[in-house]
Amino acid sequence: MTDNASIVQWQFIRDRVHDTWSWRSMRMDGTTDRMSASFTEFGKTVSDAVRNGFNPSGQHWVIADREWATHFEPGADPVTMRRDADGSLTPRAAVSEADKAGGAEDAT
């Protein structure tokens, strides 16, 4: 097992084709430390990551779904971004401001 101190981010990713979840731990240099098998349920994916050293309250982590991604930094509020048609991410606050400028009403 790799020294968990070298891991700077955990990523939980939903496969768009197979509708499954997996995790990967990332090193400071941007390389992948470890990757999981695929799981049909998000909860099982997180449980497996915890068994492999994931500490949700003490590490940066990202959940990437088909339409959005949410970043969790220790001690900070989560930040959710919408995925645009080209795959790029737009922060939720920017989306709200763009909707207001365009006259769209907030459905929440």
C-alpha atoms as a PDB file:
ATOM      1  CA  MET A   1       0.000   0.000   0.000  1.00  0.00           C
ATOM      2  CA  THR A   2       1.245   3.476  -0.886  1.00  0.00           C
ATOM      3  CA  ASP A   3       1.890   6.097   1.799  1.00  0.00           C
ATOM      4  CA  ASN A   4      -1.480   7.857   2.090  1.00  0.00           C
ATOM      5  CA  ALA A   5       0.309  11.204   2.677  1.00  0.00           C
ATOM      6  CA  SER A   6       1.359  11.228  -1.003  1.00  0.00           C
ATOM      7  CA  ILE A   7      -2.305  11.166  -2.100  1.00  0.00           C
ATOM      8  CA  VAL A   8      -3.713  14.650  -2.700  1.00  0.00           C
ATOM      9  CA  GLN A   9      -7.131  13.801  -4.173  1.00  0.00           C
ATOM     10  CA  TRP A  10      -9.629  10.968  -4.391  1.00  0.00           C
ATOM     11  CA  GLN A  11     -11.885  10.849  -7.443  1.00  0.00           C
ATOM     12  CA  PHE A  12     -15.212   9.006  -7.649  1.00  0.00           C
ATOM     13  CA  ILE A  13     -16.209   8.663 -11.276  1.00  0.00           C
ATOM     14  CA  ARG A  14     -19.393   7.439 -12.901  1.00  0.00           C
ATOM     15  CA  ASP A  15     -18.852   5.590 -16.166  1.00  0.00           C
ATOM     16  CA  ARG A  16     -21.257   7.109 -18.717  1.00  0.00           C
ATOM     17  CA  VAL A  17     -21.499   3.947 -20.807  1.00  0.00           C
ATOM     18  CA  HIS A  18     -21.809   1.187 -18.203  1.00  0.00           C
ATOM     19  CA  ASP A  19     -23.515   3.236 -15.443  1.00  0.00           C
ATOM     20  CA  THR A  20     -20.977   2.076 -12.858  1.00  0.00           C
ATOM     21  CA  TRP A  21     -18.797   3.859 -10.291  1.00  0.00           C
ATOM     22  CA  SER A  22     -15.083   3.577  -9.567  1.00  0.00           C
ATOM     23  CA  TRP A  23     -12.540   5.468  -7.502  1.00  0.00           C
ATOM     24  CA  ARG A  24      -8.945   6.461  -8.032  1.00  0.00           C
ATOM     25  CA  SER A  25      -6.441   8.115  -5.750  1.00  0.00           C
ATOM     26  CA  MET A  26      -4.213  10.784  -7.264  1.00  0.00           C
ATOM     27  CA  ARG A  27      -0.659  11.816  -6.334  1.00  0.00           C
ATOM     28  CA  MET A  28       0.629  15.378  -6.085  1.00  0.00           C
ATOM     29  CA  ASP A  29       2.344  15.069  -9.478  1.00  0.00           C
ATOM     30  CA  GLY A  30      -1.020  14.255 -11.136  1.00  0.00           C
ATOM     31  CA  THR A  31      -0.383  10.558 -11.635  1.00  0.00           C
ATOM     32  CA  THR A  32      -2.792   7.873 -10.514  1.00  0.00           C
ATOM     33  CA  ASP A  33      -1.791   6.076  -7.323  1.00  0.00           C
ATOM     34  CA  ARG A  34      -4.452   3.342  -7.340  1.00  0.00           C
ATOM     35  CA  MET A  35      -7.758   2.573  -9.072  1.00  0.00           C
ATOM     36  CA  SER A  36     -10.688   0.413  -8.066  1.00  0.00           C
ATOM     37  CA  ALA A  37     -12.767  -2.100  -9.891  1.00  0.00           C
ATOM     38  CA  SER A  38     -16.203  -0.960 -11.084  1.00  0.00           C
ATOM     39  CA  PHE A  39     -19.181  -0.976  -8.720  1.00  0.00           C
ATOM     40  CA  THR A  40     -22.880  -0.744  -9.517  1.00  0.00           C
ATOM     41  CA  GLU A  41     -23.567   1.381  -6.409  1.00  0.00           C
ATOM     42  CA  PHE A  42     -21.895   4.625  -5.308  1.00  0.00           C
ATOM     43  CA  GLY A  43     -22.010   3.639  -1.610  1.00  0.00           C
ATOM     44  CA  LYS A  44     -20.065   0.429  -2.261  1.00  0.00           C
ATOM     45  CA  THR A  45     -17.487   2.456  -4.173  1.00  0.00           C
ATOM     46  CA  VAL A  46     -16.956   4.816  -1.221  1.00  0.00           C
ATOM     47  CA  SER A  47     -16.814   1.913   1.258  1.00  0.00           C
ATOM     48  CA  ASP A  48     -14.116   0.249  -0.821  1.00  0.00           C
ATOM     49  CA  ALA A  49     -12.157   3.515  -0.983  1.00  0.00           C
ATOM     50  CA  VAL A  50     -12.329   3.838   2.832  1.00  0.00           C
ATOM     51  CA  ARG A  51     -10.956   0.299   3.150  1.00  0.00           C
ATOM     52  CA  ASN A  52      -8.105   1.466   0.904  1.00  0.00           C
ATOM     53  CA  GLY A  53      -7.221   4.577   2.926  1.00  0.00           C
ATOM     54  CA  PHE A  54      -9.766   7.220   1.902  1.00  0.00           C
ATOM     55  CA  ASN A  55     -10.510   9.728   4.693  1.00  0.00           C
ATOM     56  CA  PRO A  56     -13.482  11.866   3.563  1.00  0.00           C
ATOM     57  CA  SER A  57     -13.141  14.404   6.372  1.00  0.00           C
ATOM     58  CA  GLY A  58      -9.403  14.929   5.905  1.00  0.00           C
ATOM     59  CA  GLN A  59      -8.727  14.683   2.169  1.00  0.00           C
ATOM     60  CA  HIS A  60      -9.784  16.484  -1.011  1.00  0.00           C
ATOM     61  CA  TRP A  61     -12.227  14.452  -3.075  1.00  0.00           C
ATOM     62  CA  VAL A  62     -14.305  14.828  -6.206  1.00  0.00           C
ATOM     63  CA  ILE A  63     -17.498  13.130  -7.377  1.00  0.00           C
ATOM     64  CA  ALA A  64     -17.871  13.229 -11.165  1.00  0.00           C
ATOM     65  CA  ASP A  65     -21.253  12.197 -12.548  1.00  0.00           C
ATOM     66  CA  ARG A  66     -22.645  12.516 -16.066  1.00  0.00           C
ATOM     67  CA  GLU A  67     -23.997  16.046 -15.677  1.00  0.00           C
ATOM     68  CA  TRP A  68     -21.982  17.537 -12.779  1.00  0.00           C
ATOM     69  CA  ALA A  69     -18.935  17.309 -10.526  1.00  0.00           C
ATOM     70  CA  THR A  70     -18.698  18.221  -6.847  1.00  0.00           C
ATOM     71  CA  HIS A  71     -15.420  19.086  -5.110  1.00  0.00           C
ATOM     72  CA  PHE A  72     -14.985  18.573  -1.369  1.00  0.00           C
ATOM     73  CA  GLU A  73     -12.053  20.260   0.395  1.00  0.00           C
ATOM     74  CA  PRO A  74     -11.523  19.654   4.129  1.00  0.00           C
ATOM     75  CA  GLY A  75     -13.020  22.529   6.118  1.00  0.00           C
ATOM     76  CA  ALA A  76     -14.737  24.133   3.113  1.00  0.00           C
ATOM     77  CA  ASP A  77     -18.208  23.992   1.612  1.00  0.00           C
ATOM     78  CA  PRO A  78     -18.576  21.645  -1.370  1.00  0.00           C
ATOM     79  CA  VAL A  79     -18.531  23.237  -4.830  1.00  0.00           C
ATOM     80  CA  THR A  80     -20.745  21.751  -7.551  1.00  0.00           C
ATOM     81  CA  MET A  81     -20.178  22.397 -11.248  1.00  0.00           C
ATOM     82  CA  ARG A  82     -22.387  21.517 -14.195  1.00  0.00           C
ATOM     83  CA  ARG A  83     -20.842  19.639 -17.117  1.00  0.00           C
ATOM     84  CA  ASP A  84     -21.481  21.421 -20.419  1.00  0.00           C
ATOM     85  CA  ALA A  85     -22.141  19.604 -23.697  1.00  0.00           C
ATOM     86  CA  ASP A  86     -18.432  19.761 -24.577  1.00  0.00           C
ATOM     87  CA  GLY A  87     -17.497  18.114 -21.249  1.00  0.00           C
ATOM     88  CA  SER A  88     -16.156  21.278 -19.599  1.00  0.00           C
ATOM     89  CA  LEU A  89     -17.344  22.223 -16.108  1.00  0.00           C
ATOM     90  CA  THR A  90     -19.106  25.466 -15.136  1.00  0.00           C
ATOM     91  CA  PRO A  91     -19.236  26.441 -11.433  1.00  0.00           C
ATOM     92  CA  ARG A  92     -22.783  26.463 -10.070  1.00  0.00           C
ATOM     93  CA  ALA A  93     -22.614  30.166  -9.085  1.00  0.00           C
ATOM     94  CA  ALA A  94     -21.603  31.083 -12.641  1.00  0.00           C
ATOM     95  CA  VAL A  95     -24.480  29.009 -13.982  1.00  0.00           C
ATOM     96  CA  SER A  96     -26.931  30.849 -11.706  1.00  0.00           C
ATOM     97  CA  GLU A  97     -25.619  34.245 -12.798  1.00  0.00           C
ATOM     98  CA  ALA A  98     -25.799  33.255 -16.477  1.00  0.00           C
ATOM     99  CA  ASP A  99     -29.384  32.056 -16.009  1.00  0.00           C
ATOM    100  CA  LYS A 100     -30.337  35.340 -14.315  1.00  0.00           C
ATOM    101  CA  ALA A 101     -28.733  37.358 -17.104  1.00  0.00           C
ATOM    102  CA  GLY A 102     -30.636  35.353 -19.688  1.00  0.00           C
ATOM    103  CA  GLY A 103     -33.932  35.782 -17.871  1.00  0.00           C
ATOM    104  CA  ALA A 104     -34.272  32.124 -16.858  1.00  0.00           C
ATOM    105  CA  GLU A 105     -36.026  31.458 -13.586  1.00  0.00           C
ATOM    106  CA  ASP A 106     -34.407  29.315 -10.908  1.00  0.00           C
ATOM    107  CA  ALA A 107     -36.418  26.098 -10.551  1.00  0.00           C
ATOM    108  CA  THR A 108     -35.110  25.279  -7.071  1.00  0.00           C
END
